[in-house]
């Protein structure tokens, strides 16, 4: 059993169209991750020749940022249960990690897929 802390910032935004109908696509709104911070309890199961399979459960806070064509910005925050799992493998001081996490916030759910490189010293 281990404890992990997590901090993430968004590097890209996606455009979504709202209030569209028929041939009118609607108004474009850019939505991106402002930041995410969380704490997790982690359980690991070592599997020979593969690496460590892990599961994690914890609590996270997510802040999203949205802007429309008129440059008005809206921020949405949510916090709640977060859980997921993945596999971590490596050689000597370098490890690679592939993981999935689901964040169940107050208003909605957010899914995350991550690939990480870890250098241990």
N, C-alpha and C. Protein backbone atom coordinates (compact mmCIF):
# COMPACT_ATOMS: atom_id res chain seq x y z
N UNK A 1 0.85 -1.18 0.00
CA UNK A 1 0.00 0.00 0.00
C UNK A 1 0.89 1.23 0.00
N UNK A 2 0.51 2.23 -0.77
CA UNK A 2 1.27 3.47 -0.88
C UNK A 2 0.29 4.65 -0.95
N UNK A 3 0.83 5.84 -0.84
CA UNK A 3 0.05 7.08 -0.97
C UNK A 3 0.68 7.90 -2.09
N UNK A 4 -0.17 8.47 -2.97
CA UNK A 4 0.31 9.30 -4.07
C UNK A 4 -0.39 10.65 -4.05
N UNK A 5 0.34 11.65 -4.45
CA UNK A 5 -0.23 12.97 -4.71
C UNK A 5 -0.16 13.22 -6.22
N UNK A 6 -1.09 13.99 -6.74
CA UNK A 6 -1.13 14.24 -8.18
C UNK A 6 -1.46 15.70 -8.44
N UNK A 7 -0.75 16.29 -9.40
CA UNK A 7 -1.04 17.64 -9.85
C UNK A 7 -0.93 17.65 -11.37
N UNK A 8 -1.92 18.20 -12.05
CA UNK A 8 -1.90 18.25 -13.51
C UNK A 8 -2.40 19.61 -13.98
N UNK A 9 -1.87 20.05 -15.13
CA UNK A 9 -2.35 21.26 -15.78
C UNK A 9 -2.67 20.92 -17.23
N UNK A 10 -3.61 21.63 -17.81
CA UNK A 10 -3.99 21.39 -19.19
C UNK A 10 -3.04 22.08 -20.15
N UNK A 11 -2.78 21.44 -21.29
CA UNK A 11 -1.90 22.04 -22.29
C UNK A 11 -2.63 22.28 -23.61
N UNK A 12 -3.88 21.85 -23.70
CA UNK A 12 -4.63 22.00 -24.94
C UNK A 12 -6.11 22.17 -24.60
N UNK A 13 -6.84 22.81 -25.50
CA UNK A 13 -8.28 22.97 -25.34
C UNK A 13 -8.99 22.29 -26.50
N UNK A 14 -10.20 21.82 -26.25
CA UNK A 14 -11.05 21.26 -27.30
C UNK A 14 -12.20 22.22 -27.56
N UNK A 15 -12.65 22.26 -28.81
CA UNK A 15 -13.78 23.12 -29.17
C UNK A 15 -15.05 22.28 -29.25
N UNK A 16 -16.09 22.74 -28.58
CA UNK A 16 -17.40 22.10 -28.60
C UNK A 16 -18.40 23.11 -29.15
N UNK A 17 -19.41 22.61 -29.85
CA UNK A 17 -20.43 23.49 -30.41
C UNK A 17 -21.72 23.31 -29.62
N UNK A 18 -22.30 24.42 -29.18
CA UNK A 18 -23.52 24.39 -28.39
C UNK A 18 -24.61 25.19 -29.08
N UNK A 19 -25.84 24.90 -28.77
CA UNK A 19 -27.02 25.58 -29.30
C UNK A 19 -27.13 25.49 -30.82
N UNK A 20 -26.72 24.39 -31.40
CA UNK A 20 -26.84 24.21 -32.84
C UNK A 20 -28.11 23.46 -33.20
N UNK A 21 -28.55 23.62 -34.44
CA UNK A 21 -29.69 22.86 -34.94
C UNK A 21 -29.65 22.87 -36.47
N UNK A 22 -30.10 21.79 -37.07
CA UNK A 22 -30.14 21.70 -38.52
C UNK A 22 -28.78 21.90 -39.14
N UNK A 23 -28.68 22.82 -40.09
CA UNK A 23 -27.40 23.08 -40.75
C UNK A 23 -26.55 24.10 -39.99
N UNK A 24 -27.08 24.70 -38.92
CA UNK A 24 -26.32 25.65 -38.11
C UNK A 24 -25.58 24.87 -37.02
N UNK A 25 -24.23 24.88 -37.04
CA UNK A 25 -23.49 24.06 -36.09
C UNK A 25 -23.54 24.57 -34.66
N UNK A 26 -23.90 25.82 -34.46
CA UNK A 26 -23.96 26.37 -33.12
C UNK A 26 -22.76 27.26 -32.84
N UNK A 27 -22.63 27.62 -31.59
CA UNK A 27 -21.56 28.52 -31.15
C UNK A 27 -20.40 27.69 -30.63
N UNK A 28 -19.20 28.00 -31.10
CA UNK A 28 -18.01 27.27 -30.64
C UNK A 28 -17.56 27.75 -29.27
N UNK A 29 -17.31 26.78 -28.39
CA UNK A 29 -16.83 27.07 -27.04
C UNK A 29 -15.56 26.25 -26.82
N UNK A 30 -14.48 26.91 -26.43
CA UNK A 30 -13.23 26.21 -26.13
C UNK A 30 -13.22 25.83 -24.65
N UNK A 31 -12.96 24.53 -24.38
CA UNK A 31 -12.95 24.02 -23.01
C UNK A 31 -11.62 23.32 -22.77
N UNK A 32 -10.99 23.62 -21.64
CA UNK A 32 -9.72 22.99 -21.29
C UNK A 32 -9.58 22.82 -19.79
N UNK A 33 -8.63 21.98 -19.41
CA UNK A 33 -8.31 21.76 -18.01
C UNK A 33 -7.44 22.89 -17.51
N UNK A 34 -7.88 23.56 -16.45
CA UNK A 34 -7.06 24.59 -15.81
C UNK A 34 -6.05 23.88 -14.89
N UNK A 35 -6.55 23.10 -13.94
CA UNK A 35 -5.67 22.29 -13.09
C UNK A 35 -6.46 21.16 -12.44
N UNK A 36 -5.74 20.18 -11.93
CA UNK A 36 -6.32 19.07 -11.16
C UNK A 36 -5.32 18.73 -10.07
N UNK A 37 -5.82 18.51 -8.86
CA UNK A 37 -4.98 18.10 -7.74
C UNK A 37 -5.71 17.00 -6.98
N UNK A 38 -4.98 15.97 -6.57
CA UNK A 38 -5.62 14.85 -5.88
C UNK A 38 -4.67 14.08 -4.99
N UNK A 39 -5.23 13.25 -4.13
CA UNK A 39 -4.48 12.36 -3.25
C UNK A 39 -5.11 10.97 -3.35
N UNK A 40 -4.27 9.93 -3.40
CA UNK A 40 -4.73 8.57 -3.64
C UNK A 40 -4.05 7.56 -2.73
N UNK A 41 -4.80 6.52 -2.36
CA UNK A 41 -4.24 5.31 -1.76
C UNK A 41 -4.03 4.33 -2.91
N UNK A 42 -2.87 3.70 -2.97
CA UNK A 42 -2.51 2.85 -4.10
C UNK A 42 -2.14 1.46 -3.61
N UNK A 43 -2.71 0.44 -4.27
CA UNK A 43 -2.33 -0.94 -4.02
C UNK A 43 -1.64 -1.50 -5.26
N UNK A 44 -0.57 -2.27 -5.06
CA UNK A 44 0.21 -2.81 -6.18
C UNK A 44 0.28 -4.33 -6.11
N UNK A 45 0.32 -4.94 -7.29
CA UNK A 45 0.49 -6.38 -7.42
C UNK A 45 1.60 -6.62 -8.44
N UNK A 46 2.80 -7.04 -7.99
CA UNK A 46 3.88 -7.30 -8.95
C UNK A 46 3.60 -8.56 -9.77
N UNK A 47 3.77 -8.45 -11.07
CA UNK A 47 3.60 -9.59 -11.98
C UNK A 47 4.91 -9.77 -12.74
N UNK A 48 5.58 -10.92 -12.57
CA UNK A 48 6.87 -11.14 -13.23
C UNK A 48 6.76 -10.95 -14.75
N UNK A 49 7.79 -10.35 -15.32
CA UNK A 49 7.94 -10.09 -16.75
C UNK A 49 7.00 -9.02 -17.30
N UNK A 50 6.08 -8.49 -16.48
CA UNK A 50 5.18 -7.43 -16.93
C UNK A 50 5.45 -6.15 -16.16
N UNK A 51 5.44 -6.21 -14.88
CA UNK A 51 5.62 -5.03 -14.03
C UNK A 51 4.62 -5.05 -12.91
N UNK A 52 4.33 -3.90 -12.38
CA UNK A 52 3.37 -3.78 -11.29
C UNK A 52 2.01 -3.35 -11.84
N UNK A 53 0.99 -4.14 -11.55
CA UNK A 53 -0.38 -3.74 -11.84
C UNK A 53 -0.86 -3.03 -10.58
N UNK A 54 -1.53 -1.89 -10.75
CA UNK A 54 -1.94 -1.13 -9.57
C UNK A 54 -3.37 -0.62 -9.72
N UNK A 55 -3.98 -0.40 -8.58
CA UNK A 55 -5.28 0.25 -8.50
C UNK A 55 -5.15 1.39 -7.51
N UNK A 56 -5.95 2.44 -7.72
CA UNK A 56 -5.87 3.57 -6.80
C UNK A 56 -7.25 4.19 -6.61
N UNK A 57 -7.45 4.73 -5.41
CA UNK A 57 -8.70 5.39 -5.07
C UNK A 57 -8.36 6.59 -4.19
N UNK A 58 -9.07 7.70 -4.41
CA UNK A 58 -8.78 8.89 -3.62
C UNK A 58 -9.78 9.99 -3.86
N UNK A 59 -9.30 11.21 -3.64
CA UNK A 59 -10.13 12.41 -3.74
C UNK A 59 -9.39 13.42 -4.60
N UNK A 60 -10.12 14.09 -5.51
CA UNK A 60 -9.49 15.05 -6.40
C UNK A 60 -10.36 16.29 -6.58
N UNK A 61 -9.71 17.40 -6.92
CA UNK A 61 -10.37 18.66 -7.24
C UNK A 61 -9.95 19.03 -8.65
N UNK A 62 -10.93 19.34 -9.51
CA UNK A 62 -10.68 19.66 -10.91
C UNK A 62 -11.24 21.05 -11.21
N UNK A 63 -10.49 21.84 -11.98
CA UNK A 63 -10.94 23.16 -12.42
C UNK A 63 -10.86 23.22 -13.94
N UNK A 64 -12.01 23.45 -14.59
CA UNK A 64 -12.07 23.58 -16.04
C UNK A 64 -12.30 25.03 -16.41
N UNK A 65 -11.80 25.42 -17.58
CA UNK A 65 -11.89 26.79 -18.06
C UNK A 65 -12.54 26.75 -19.43
N UNK A 66 -13.54 27.61 -19.66
CA UNK A 66 -14.24 27.66 -20.96
C UNK A 66 -14.33 29.10 -21.44
N UNK A 67 -14.21 29.27 -22.77
CA UNK A 67 -14.35 30.60 -23.35
C UNK A 67 -15.11 30.51 -24.66
N UNK A 68 -15.96 31.49 -24.91
CA UNK A 68 -16.75 31.54 -26.14
C UNK A 68 -16.17 32.55 -27.11
N UNK A 69 -16.88 32.78 -28.22
CA UNK A 69 -16.39 33.70 -29.25
C UNK A 69 -16.32 35.15 -28.77
N UNK A 70 -17.09 35.50 -27.76
CA UNK A 70 -17.06 36.87 -27.24
C UNK A 70 -15.98 37.04 -26.18
N UNK A 71 -15.15 36.02 -26.00
CA UNK A 71 -14.01 36.01 -25.06
C UNK A 71 -14.42 36.02 -23.59
N UNK A 72 -15.71 35.82 -23.30
CA UNK A 72 -16.12 35.66 -21.91
C UNK A 72 -15.61 34.32 -21.42
N UNK A 73 -15.04 34.31 -20.23
CA UNK A 73 -14.48 33.09 -19.67
C UNK A 73 -15.36 32.62 -18.51
N UNK A 74 -15.52 31.31 -18.44
CA UNK A 74 -16.29 30.68 -17.37
C UNK A 74 -15.42 29.59 -16.78
N UNK A 75 -15.36 29.54 -15.48
CA UNK A 75 -14.58 28.50 -14.80
C UNK A 75 -15.54 27.58 -14.06
N UNK A 76 -15.32 26.27 -14.20
CA UNK A 76 -16.11 25.28 -13.48
C UNK A 76 -15.21 24.45 -12.59
N UNK A 77 -15.55 24.36 -11.33
CA UNK A 77 -14.77 23.57 -10.38
C UNK A 77 -15.62 22.43 -9.86
N UNK A 78 -14.97 21.32 -9.57
CA UNK A 78 -15.66 20.18 -8.98
C UNK A 78 -14.67 19.33 -8.21
N UNK A 79 -15.17 18.62 -7.23
CA UNK A 79 -14.31 17.73 -6.45
C UNK A 79 -15.10 16.50 -6.06
N UNK A 80 -14.38 15.42 -5.79
CA UNK A 80 -15.04 14.19 -5.38
C UNK A 80 -14.14 12.98 -5.54
N UNK A 81 -14.77 11.83 -5.56
CA UNK A 81 -14.09 10.54 -5.64
C UNK A 81 -13.34 10.39 -6.96
N UNK A 82 -12.15 9.81 -6.89
CA UNK A 82 -11.37 9.51 -8.09
C UNK A 82 -10.80 8.10 -7.93
N UNK A 83 -10.85 7.30 -9.00
CA UNK A 83 -10.35 5.93 -8.91
C UNK A 83 -9.89 5.46 -10.28
N UNK A 84 -9.05 4.45 -10.30
CA UNK A 84 -8.55 3.92 -11.56
C UNK A 84 -7.46 2.91 -11.33
N UNK A 85 -6.69 2.66 -12.38
CA UNK A 85 -5.61 1.69 -12.29
C UNK A 85 -4.79 1.68 -13.55
N UNK A 86 -3.78 0.82 -13.56
CA UNK A 86 -2.91 0.72 -14.72
C UNK A 86 -1.77 -0.24 -14.47
N UNK A 87 -0.72 -0.05 -15.25
CA UNK A 87 0.48 -0.88 -15.13
C UNK A 87 1.70 0.01 -15.15
N UNK A 88 2.70 -0.37 -14.35
CA UNK A 88 3.95 0.36 -14.28
C UNK A 88 5.08 -0.64 -14.46
N UNK A 89 6.00 -0.34 -15.36
CA UNK A 89 7.11 -1.25 -15.63
C UNK A 89 8.37 -0.46 -15.88
N UNK A 90 9.52 -1.10 -15.75
CA UNK A 90 10.74 -0.35 -15.97
C UNK A 90 11.99 -1.17 -15.83
N UNK A 91 13.09 -0.45 -15.96
CA UNK A 91 14.41 -1.05 -15.89
C UNK A 91 15.31 -0.10 -15.10
N UNK A 92 15.91 -0.60 -14.05
CA UNK A 92 16.79 0.18 -13.18
C UNK A 92 16.11 1.43 -12.65
N UNK A 93 16.61 2.62 -12.94
CA UNK A 93 16.07 3.84 -12.35
C UNK A 93 14.92 4.45 -13.16
N UNK A 94 14.64 3.94 -14.36
CA UNK A 94 13.57 4.50 -15.18
C UNK A 94 12.37 3.58 -15.17
N UNK A 95 11.18 4.17 -15.02
CA UNK A 95 9.94 3.41 -15.06
C UNK A 95 8.95 4.13 -15.96
N UNK A 96 8.11 3.37 -16.63
CA UNK A 96 7.03 3.92 -17.46
C UNK A 96 5.70 3.48 -16.85
N UNK A 97 4.71 4.32 -16.99
CA UNK A 97 3.41 4.06 -16.37
C UNK A 97 2.29 4.39 -17.35
N UNK A 98 1.34 3.48 -17.47
CA UNK A 98 0.14 3.69 -18.28
C UNK A 98 -1.05 3.53 -17.34
N UNK A 99 -1.95 4.53 -17.35
CA UNK A 99 -3.03 4.47 -16.36
C UNK A 99 -4.32 5.12 -16.87
N UNK A 100 -5.40 4.71 -16.25
CA UNK A 100 -6.73 5.27 -16.48
C UNK A 100 -7.26 5.73 -15.12
N UNK A 101 -7.88 6.92 -15.07
CA UNK A 101 -8.50 7.41 -13.85
C UNK A 101 -9.85 8.03 -14.18
N UNK A 102 -10.84 7.74 -13.36
CA UNK A 102 -12.17 8.36 -13.48
C UNK A 102 -12.35 9.29 -12.28
N UNK A 103 -12.73 10.53 -12.59
CA UNK A 103 -12.97 11.54 -11.56
C UNK A 103 -14.47 11.80 -11.50
N UNK A 104 -15.08 11.50 -10.37
CA UNK A 104 -16.52 11.74 -10.18
C UNK A 104 -16.68 13.01 -9.37
N UNK A 105 -16.89 14.13 -10.08
CA UNK A 105 -16.99 15.42 -9.42
C UNK A 105 -18.43 15.68 -9.00
N UNK A 106 -18.65 16.83 -8.38
CA UNK A 106 -19.98 17.20 -7.89
C UNK A 106 -21.02 17.19 -9.01
N UNK A 107 -20.65 17.71 -10.18
CA UNK A 107 -21.62 17.90 -11.26
C UNK A 107 -21.51 16.90 -12.40
N UNK A 108 -20.36 16.30 -12.61
CA UNK A 108 -20.15 15.47 -13.79
C UNK A 108 -19.01 14.49 -13.55
N UNK A 109 -18.73 13.65 -14.53
CA UNK A 109 -17.62 12.71 -14.47
C UNK A 109 -16.61 13.07 -15.55
N UNK A 110 -15.33 12.89 -15.24
CA UNK A 110 -14.25 13.14 -16.19
C UNK A 110 -13.36 11.91 -16.21
N UNK A 111 -13.00 11.45 -17.41
CA UNK A 111 -12.11 10.30 -17.56
C UNK A 111 -10.76 10.78 -18.06
N UNK A 112 -9.69 10.15 -17.56
CA UNK A 112 -8.34 10.52 -17.92
C UNK A 112 -7.53 9.28 -18.28
N UNK A 113 -6.74 9.39 -19.35
CA UNK A 113 -5.80 8.34 -19.72
C UNK A 113 -4.42 8.97 -19.74
N UNK A 114 -3.46 8.36 -19.06
CA UNK A 114 -2.14 8.98 -18.98
C UNK A 114 -1.01 8.00 -19.24
N UNK A 115 0.06 8.54 -19.80
CA UNK A 115 1.32 7.81 -19.99
C UNK A 115 2.39 8.66 -19.34
N UNK A 116 3.16 8.07 -18.43
CA UNK A 116 4.15 8.83 -17.66
C UNK A 116 5.50 8.13 -17.70
N UNK A 117 6.54 8.94 -17.60
CA UNK A 117 7.89 8.43 -17.40
C UNK A 117 8.33 8.84 -16.00
N UNK A 118 8.93 7.91 -15.28
CA UNK A 118 9.33 8.15 -13.88
C UNK A 118 10.80 7.83 -13.75
N UNK A 119 11.56 8.76 -13.18
CA UNK A 119 12.96 8.55 -12.91
C UNK A 119 13.13 8.48 -11.40
N UNK A 120 13.60 7.35 -10.91
CA UNK A 120 13.77 7.15 -9.47
C UNK A 120 15.22 7.41 -9.08
N UNK A 121 15.41 8.17 -8.00
CA UNK A 121 16.77 8.42 -7.53
C UNK A 121 16.82 8.31 -6.02
